[in-house]
Amino acid sequence: MIIEKTTANYTIMKKTIKKIASLAIIGVLMASCTTTQKPAEGAVSASSQQRSVDGEWTLSSIQHNASGKVEIQYLDEGRKECLVGSKWVLIRNYTGTYTINPGAGCNPGDQSIMWSIEELDGQNYFMFKKLTDQKAKDILSGYRLHLDYVDETSMQLSQEIPFEGSKITIKYKSILRKPRGFCEQNQNQRFWRICSCL
């Protein structure tokens, strides 16, 4: 009689503990779903700017605030002549390419990249890494440039780099050649292809 009562109490207690544990897990999941960060008032979300950056851009100018003549390896590609006028194609699936111009000290050709817009400390950054023969997840180094602004026709990115015990700021200005969803007509096939939404 005592054994049956103890077993019944144990079963009830076990069910109660399971219910409490289940409710606690549900509570934690609900709390984690409702605490998503919203951008500060007036700030533009990273996902919104991600959509604004899709398209084909021309890097129109590179400027820095260092005084005098300085030798800088811009994005580790060489002198600014290697990049000014280059075409950057940024596709919505976070892939893209940019061209490197021919010239002294330049390694001409196309460079494939993985890119994204990330929010850090309330600021949006254009981040990318160069793709090589390695898988993208195995490439641990990349570039982070502050997204100063982007609108329907232009974009400016800036980057701080160490220089002679201090820092200098480099500004990369681009103009939009073709917006996201731009189309090209294939005359032979007679159909429209969405190029930047692949």
Foldseek 3Di string as FASTA:
>chain_A
DVVVVVVVVVVVVVVVVVVVVVVVVVVVVVVVVPPDDDADVPADDQVVVLQLPAAKKAFADKDKDDPDDDFDCVQVFGDCQQRHRWMWHQASVQKTWIFTDDDPSGDTDIWIKGWGWDADPNFIWIKIATDDPDDPVPDDDTDTWTFPDGDNFKTKTKDWDDDPNRIMIMITIITGDAHQQGWDADPVVGDIDRDRHD
